[in-house]
Structures are given as structure tokens and as C-alpha cells.
Amino acid sequence: MAAEGPQASRESKAQVRQMLIIGAVAAAGGIALGLIIDWFPVSASGEAKKIDRLWDVLLIASVPVFVLVQTVVLYSVWRFRMRPGEELMDGPPIHGNTRLEIVWTAIPAILLVGLCSYAYVVLHDIEKATAGAKLDVRVVGEQFTWTFYYPDQGGKEVSAHELYVPVDTQVKFTVQSKDVIHDFWVPAFREKIDAVPGINTSYGVHTTRIGDYPVVCAELCGLGHSTMRSTAHVLSKPDFDKWLADTRAKAAQAQ
């Protein structure tokens, strides 16, 4: 009996090593695959880069945890499965391991606190884009379209059904709704916010890339929800100034 104790201990350590090796290989492969996959559309704002980096950090932290749990579960199902003739047998009695319980409680707690703190820092940093905005755009959602309003002389506004903003500019979006809850989302900016009837919501972006990007509603708002789309045009500053001047001139002629 005395010889069975050391033998069982060696087998147990060997099993743990096998699980760790399998888990480490699977985790490395999972992280590499997750980082290779192009999850998001092209980024067109400074905030998008920070959000993409946060995504990568969360991916690197979460894949090993998922892989470790799945490795232990699958290994245990294979290694400790019931064999023929063992239907009425019970496993050996075991006692709790205080050190192990402390470890598997402390490590996830530290990991969660660290990730939540980093996410908060990113969110706080992103929200600062609103403070230094050079252009204010009022965004109004209604079933099932978007309208974008730009400041004009005398406190008036000019409107367009497609979004136009200049590149390399901090833009503040003040988002409103005429009817139900919508959600203003430009995937290339990586930010979105609800348009809620009766209140104003807002966020800011620093545009970084010239191009045309989809604008969608990310909140189920009725039968035409899937058609509530528009286009965000990020233009060079001279092109944006020309577009805004032309739009203001057309609005003045229409009055």
C-alpha cells in the first residue's frame, strides 16, 4: 500500500503536465488564430485603434482561460471515463485543497480587475474626444432614416440624409430620436450610442481616414430596421468645406 501512494502521486503529476502541455499548445494556437482573423472593418477614427487594441488584449486574456477549462473537461472525460464493470463503483473520497481554491479564486479576480481597469481607461480616453470637438453634427433618427444637421449662420442648421465630415478632425455627434429608440453606429468609427426620444446622447470621434463608410441602426426599431442605413463620407478638409458651402447655398435658395 505504501508503494501505491508515490506511484499515484507520480501519475497525477504526469496527468497535470499532459493537460498543461495540451492546454498551452491549444491556447497558443487559439491566440494566433484570433489575432490573425480580421474581425472588424477598416478603422477610420483614432478611437477605433484603441478599441481594436482592447479587443486584442481581451482575446489574449480570455482564450487561455477558455482553452484551460475545455482541456481539463475533455481530458477528464477521456482519462477518467467509466469502464465496463465499473458501473457500481464510486470514486475515492477526496478532501478540499485550500491552496488550490485560493489560487483559482485569486487569479480570476486579479485578471478581471485588470481587464476592467484597462477597459475603463480606454473608455475614459475615448470620451475625451468630445471635449475638443471642432465640428458639431446633430444626428436625428426616425423610422427608418437618418438626418444629419450642420450649424449655419444665425443659429440655423442645414441638413443632409448622408453624413459628411472632414478628415483629421474631432467631431461631436449629438444624437436624437423622433419616435422610438434607435442606435447610431458607424462600424468604421467603432463607437455607437442609442438615440432615445426626449433626451440627447452624444459621443465624439477623431476622423483619420478618407473614404465612404456605412451608417447603420444597431437597435431593433421596427419592420424597416434593416433598411435604416446611410453612408458616412470622410472628406479632405477642402472638399468638406466646399460640400458644406454648396449645401448652405442650396438651403438659402430654397428659402
Protein backbone atom coordinates (compact mmCIF):
# COMPACT_ATOMS: atom_id res chain seq x y z
CA MET A 1 0.00 0.00 0.00
CA ALA A 2 2.89 2.32 0.80
CA ALA A 3 4.20 1.96 -2.75
CA GLU A 4 0.82 2.93 -4.25
CA GLY A 5 0.92 6.43 -2.76
CA PRO A 6 4.09 7.64 -4.53
CA GLN A 7 3.04 5.86 -7.72
CA ALA A 8 -0.37 7.53 -7.68
CA SER A 9 1.27 10.89 -6.99
CA ARG A 10 3.62 10.48 -9.96
CA GLU A 11 0.71 9.53 -12.23
CA SER A 12 -1.27 12.52 -11.03
CA LYS A 13 1.62 14.90 -11.73
CA ALA A 14 2.13 13.32 -15.15
CA GLN A 15 -1.56 13.87 -15.96
CA VAL A 16 -1.35 17.50 -14.88
CA ARG A 17 1.74 18.01 -17.08
CA GLN A 18 -0.07 16.44 -20.02
CA MET A 19 -3.06 18.75 -19.56
CA LEU A 20 -0.81 21.82 -19.23
CA ILE A 21 1.14 20.93 -22.38
CA ILE A 22 -2.04 20.28 -24.36
CA GLY A 23 -3.61 23.46 -22.98
CA ALA A 24 -0.55 25.59 -23.72
CA VAL A 25 -0.36 24.39 -27.33
CA ALA A 26 -4.09 24.85 -27.86
CA ALA A 27 -4.03 28.30 -26.23
CA ALA A 28 -1.10 29.46 -28.36
CA GLY A 29 -2.88 28.26 -31.49
CA GLY A 30 -6.14 29.89 -30.41
CA ILE A 31 -4.47 33.23 -29.69
CA ALA A 32 -2.60 33.17 -33.00
CA LEU A 33 -5.80 32.34 -34.89
CA GLY A 34 -7.76 35.01 -33.03
CA LEU A 35 -5.19 37.69 -33.83
CA ILE A 36 -4.95 36.65 -37.48
CA ILE A 37 -8.70 36.82 -38.09
CA ASP A 38 -9.80 40.23 -39.38
CA TRP A 39 -12.75 40.75 -37.03
CA PHE A 40 -13.63 44.35 -37.86
CA PRO A 41 -13.98 46.58 -40.92
CA VAL A 42 -11.30 49.14 -41.74
CA SER A 43 -10.80 51.72 -38.98
CA ALA A 44 -11.47 55.37 -39.76
CA SER A 45 -11.02 57.04 -36.37
CA GLY A 46 -8.36 57.37 -33.71
CA GLU A 47 -10.71 55.77 -31.20
CA ALA A 48 -11.04 52.68 -33.39
CA LYS A 49 -7.37 51.82 -32.90
CA LYS A 50 -7.73 51.94 -29.12
CA ILE A 51 -10.85 49.77 -29.22
CA ASP A 52 -9.17 47.27 -31.54
CA ARG A 53 -6.22 47.08 -29.15
CA LEU A 54 -8.61 46.47 -26.25
CA TRP A 55 -10.21 43.66 -28.24
CA ASP A 56 -6.80 42.04 -28.80
CA VAL A 57 -5.97 42.26 -25.10
CA LEU A 58 -9.30 40.69 -24.14
CA LEU A 59 -8.73 37.97 -26.73
CA ILE A 60 -5.25 37.18 -25.44
CA ALA A 61 -6.56 37.02 -21.85
CA SER A 62 -9.73 35.03 -22.49
CA VAL A 63 -8.53 32.37 -24.94
CA PRO A 64 -6.16 30.65 -22.46
CA VAL A 65 -8.92 30.57 -19.81
CA PHE A 66 -11.39 29.01 -22.25
CA VAL A 67 -8.81 26.54 -23.52
CA LEU A 68 -7.73 25.58 -20.00
CA VAL A 69 -11.29 24.84 -18.90
CA GLN A 70 -12.10 22.88 -22.05
CA THR A 71 -8.82 20.95 -21.84
CA VAL A 72 -9.48 19.87 -18.25
CA VAL A 73 -13.07 18.89 -19.06
CA LEU A 74 -12.23 16.92 -22.20
CA TYR A 75 -9.14 15.31 -20.67
CA SER A 76 -11.15 14.26 -17.62
CA VAL A 77 -13.93 12.81 -19.78
CA TRP A 78 -11.35 10.77 -21.69
CA ARG A 79 -8.94 9.82 -18.88
CA PHE A 80 -11.44 9.16 -16.09
CA ARG A 81 -14.37 7.79 -18.08
CA MET A 82 -16.26 4.82 -16.71
CA ARG A 83 -15.03 1.44 -17.99
CA PRO A 84 -17.11 -1.73 -18.39
CA GLY A 85 -17.59 -3.34 -14.99
CA GLU A 86 -17.28 -0.06 -13.08
CA GLU A 87 -20.96 0.88 -13.21
CA LEU A 88 -21.46 0.35 -9.45
CA MET A 89 -18.10 1.71 -8.34
CA ASP A 90 -17.65 5.09 -6.73
CA GLY A 91 -14.60 7.30 -6.91
CA PRO A 92 -12.19 7.59 -4.00
CA PRO A 93 -13.14 10.11 -1.27
CA ILE A 94 -11.22 13.36 -1.52
CA HIS A 95 -10.89 16.47 0.62
CA GLY A 96 -10.77 20.11 -0.42
CA ASN A 97 -7.46 21.75 -1.25
CA THR A 98 -7.40 25.18 0.38
CA ARG A 99 -4.34 26.36 -1.50
CA LEU A 100 -5.85 25.39 -4.86
CA GLU A 101 -9.14 27.09 -4.02
CA ILE A 102 -7.31 30.30 -3.08
CA VAL A 103 -5.32 30.20 -6.33
CA TRP A 104 -8.29 29.63 -8.63
CA THR A 105 -10.20 32.41 -6.87
CA ALA A 106 -7.38 34.94 -6.72
CA ILE A 107 -6.12 34.59 -10.30
CA PRO A 108 -9.51 35.17 -12.00
CA ALA A 109 -10.20 38.07 -9.62
CA ILE A 110 -6.89 39.73 -10.47
CA LEU A 111 -7.48 39.10 -14.18
CA LEU A 112 -10.98 40.61 -14.09
CA VAL A 113 -9.88 43.67 -12.11
CA GLY A 114 -7.00 44.25 -14.53
CA LEU A 115 -9.15 43.90 -17.66
CA CYS A 116 -11.96 46.05 -16.26
CA SER A 117 -9.47 48.74 -15.25
CA TYR A 118 -7.93 48.76 -18.73
CA ALA A 119 -11.38 48.90 -20.36
CA TYR A 120 -12.31 51.84 -18.12
CA VAL A 121 -9.12 53.70 -19.09
CA VAL A 122 -9.88 53.15 -22.80
CA LEU A 123 -13.49 54.31 -22.36
CA HIS A 124 -12.41 57.39 -20.41
CA ASP A 125 -9.81 58.22 -23.05
CA ILE A 126 -12.33 57.82 -25.87
CA GLU A 127 -14.87 60.08 -24.20
CA LYS A 128 -12.32 62.93 -24.14
CA ALA A 129 -12.73 63.25 -27.93
CA THR A 130 -15.98 65.13 -27.34
CA ALA A 131 -14.33 67.91 -25.32
CA GLY A 132 -12.16 69.26 -28.13
CA ALA A 133 -14.67 68.88 -30.97
CA LYS A 134 -14.15 71.18 -33.95
CA LEU A 135 -17.41 70.22 -35.63
CA ASP A 136 -20.82 69.54 -34.10
CA VAL A 137 -23.22 67.33 -36.04
CA ARG A 138 -26.77 66.72 -34.82
CA VAL A 139 -27.96 63.24 -35.74
CA VAL A 140 -31.71 62.57 -35.77
CA GLY A 141 -33.12 59.09 -36.21
CA GLU A 142 -36.66 58.20 -37.18
CA GLN A 143 -38.33 55.19 -38.73
CA PHE A 144 -36.43 54.43 -40.92
CA THR A 145 -33.88 57.04 -41.85
CA TRP A 146 -31.10 59.27 -40.51
CA THR A 147 -30.89 63.04 -40.92
CA PHE A 148 -27.69 64.99 -40.19
CA TYR A 149 -27.79 68.67 -39.23
CA TYR A 150 -24.88 71.12 -39.51
CA PRO A 151 -24.70 74.58 -37.92
CA ASP A 152 -25.37 77.54 -40.18
CA GLN A 153 -25.38 81.29 -39.68
CA GLY A 154 -27.82 82.88 -37.27
CA GLY A 155 -28.32 79.74 -35.23
CA LYS A 156 -29.93 77.93 -38.14
CA GLU A 157 -29.00 74.49 -39.49
CA VAL A 158 -28.65 72.78 -42.83
CA SER A 159 -29.45 69.10 -43.22
CA ALA A 160 -28.44 66.07 -45.26
CA HIS A 161 -29.50 62.43 -45.33
CA GLU A 162 -25.90 61.30 -45.62
CA LEU A 163 -23.10 62.11 -43.17
CA TYR A 164 -20.21 64.30 -44.30
CA VAL A 165 -17.23 65.02 -42.04
CA PRO A 166 -13.69 66.27 -42.67
CA VAL A 167 -10.66 64.06 -42.09
CA ASP A 168 -8.26 64.65 -39.18
CA THR A 169 -10.97 66.45 -37.21
CA GLN A 170 -12.60 65.90 -33.85
CA VAL A 171 -16.34 65.59 -34.44
CA LYS A 172 -19.09 65.56 -31.82
CA PHE A 173 -22.34 63.78 -32.63
CA THR A 174 -25.43 64.82 -30.69
CA VAL A 175 -27.90 62.01 -31.23
CA GLN A 176 -31.70 62.33 -31.00
CA SER A 177 -34.80 60.37 -31.98
CA LYS A 178 -38.20 61.47 -33.22
CA ASP A 179 -40.09 58.28 -32.42
CA VAL A 180 -38.60 55.07 -30.97
CA ILE A 181 -35.17 54.05 -29.71
CA HIS A 182 -32.59 53.78 -32.48
CA ASP A 183 -28.82 53.34 -32.29
CA PHE A 184 -26.37 55.44 -34.30
CA TRP A 185 -23.44 53.30 -35.38
CA VAL A 186 -20.61 53.78 -37.86
CA PRO A 187 -18.67 50.48 -37.65
CA ALA A 188 -15.53 52.12 -39.04
CA PHE A 189 -15.56 54.52 -36.05
CA ARG A 190 -16.14 51.59 -33.63
CA GLU A 191 -18.48 53.67 -31.47
CA LYS A 192 -22.25 53.65 -31.21
CA ILE A 193 -24.87 55.15 -28.94
CA ASP A 194 -28.64 54.95 -28.52
CA ALA A 195 -30.91 57.62 -29.94
CA VAL A 196 -33.57 57.95 -27.22
CA PRO A 197 -36.77 60.00 -27.62
CA GLY A 198 -36.80 63.08 -25.40
CA ILE A 199 -33.09 63.16 -24.47
CA ASN A 200 -29.77 63.94 -26.15
CA THR A 201 -26.93 61.46 -26.21
CA SER A 202 -23.51 62.14 -27.66
CA TYR A 203 -20.06 60.85 -28.45
CA GLY A 204 -17.04 62.08 -30.34
CA VAL A 205 -14.55 60.70 -32.84
CA HIS A 206 -11.31 61.88 -34.36
CA THR A 207 -11.53 61.05 -38.06
CA THR A 208 -8.36 59.61 -39.57
CA ARG A 209 -9.15 58.06 -42.96
CA ILE A 210 -10.78 59.42 -46.10
CA GLY A 211 -13.46 57.15 -47.54
CA ASP A 212 -17.11 56.10 -47.53
CA TYR A 213 -18.38 54.00 -44.63
CA PRO A 214 -21.78 52.53 -43.78
CA VAL A 215 -24.04 54.05 -41.14
CA VAL A 216 -26.49 51.61 -39.60
CA CYS A 217 -29.07 51.42 -36.84
CA ALA A 218 -27.94 48.92 -34.22
CA GLU A 219 -31.22 48.82 -32.28
CA LEU A 220 -34.27 46.88 -33.47
CA CYS A 221 -36.68 49.72 -34.19
CA GLY A 222 -39.46 48.23 -36.32
CA LEU A 223 -40.17 46.35 -39.52
CA GLY A 224 -37.87 48.59 -41.57
CA HIS A 225 -34.94 48.37 -39.16
CA SER A 226 -32.71 46.56 -41.66
CA THR A 227 -33.20 49.33 -44.22
CA MET A 228 -32.24 52.15 -41.84
CA ARG A 229 -28.87 52.76 -43.41
CA SER A 230 -26.87 55.67 -44.70
CA THR A 231 -23.29 56.50 -45.66
CA ALA A 232 -20.59 58.41 -43.82
CA HIS A 233 -18.32 60.34 -46.19
CA VAL A 234 -14.98 61.32 -44.68
CA LEU A 235 -13.60 64.03 -46.98
CA SER A 236 -10.48 66.12 -47.17
CA LYS A 237 -10.97 69.47 -45.47
CA PRO A 238 -11.18 71.48 -48.73
CA ASP A 239 -13.73 69.02 -50.14
CA PHE A 240 -15.78 69.15 -46.94
CA ASP A 241 -15.73 72.95 -46.87
CA LYS A 242 -16.90 73.00 -50.50
CA TRP A 243 -19.69 70.50 -49.79
CA LEU A 244 -20.87 72.46 -46.74
CA ALA A 245 -20.79 75.76 -48.64
CA ASP A 246 -22.79 74.23 -51.51
CA THR A 247 -25.31 72.73 -49.09
CA ARG A 248 -25.77 76.05 -47.32
CA ALA A 249 -26.20 77.83 -50.66
CA LYS A 250 -28.89 75.35 -51.76
CA ALA A 251 -30.68 75.76 -48.45
CA ALA A 252 -30.61 79.55 -48.80
CA GLN A 253 -32.03 79.34 -52.32
CA ALA A 254 -34.82 77.07 -51.17
CA GLN A 255 -36.00 79.55 -48.55
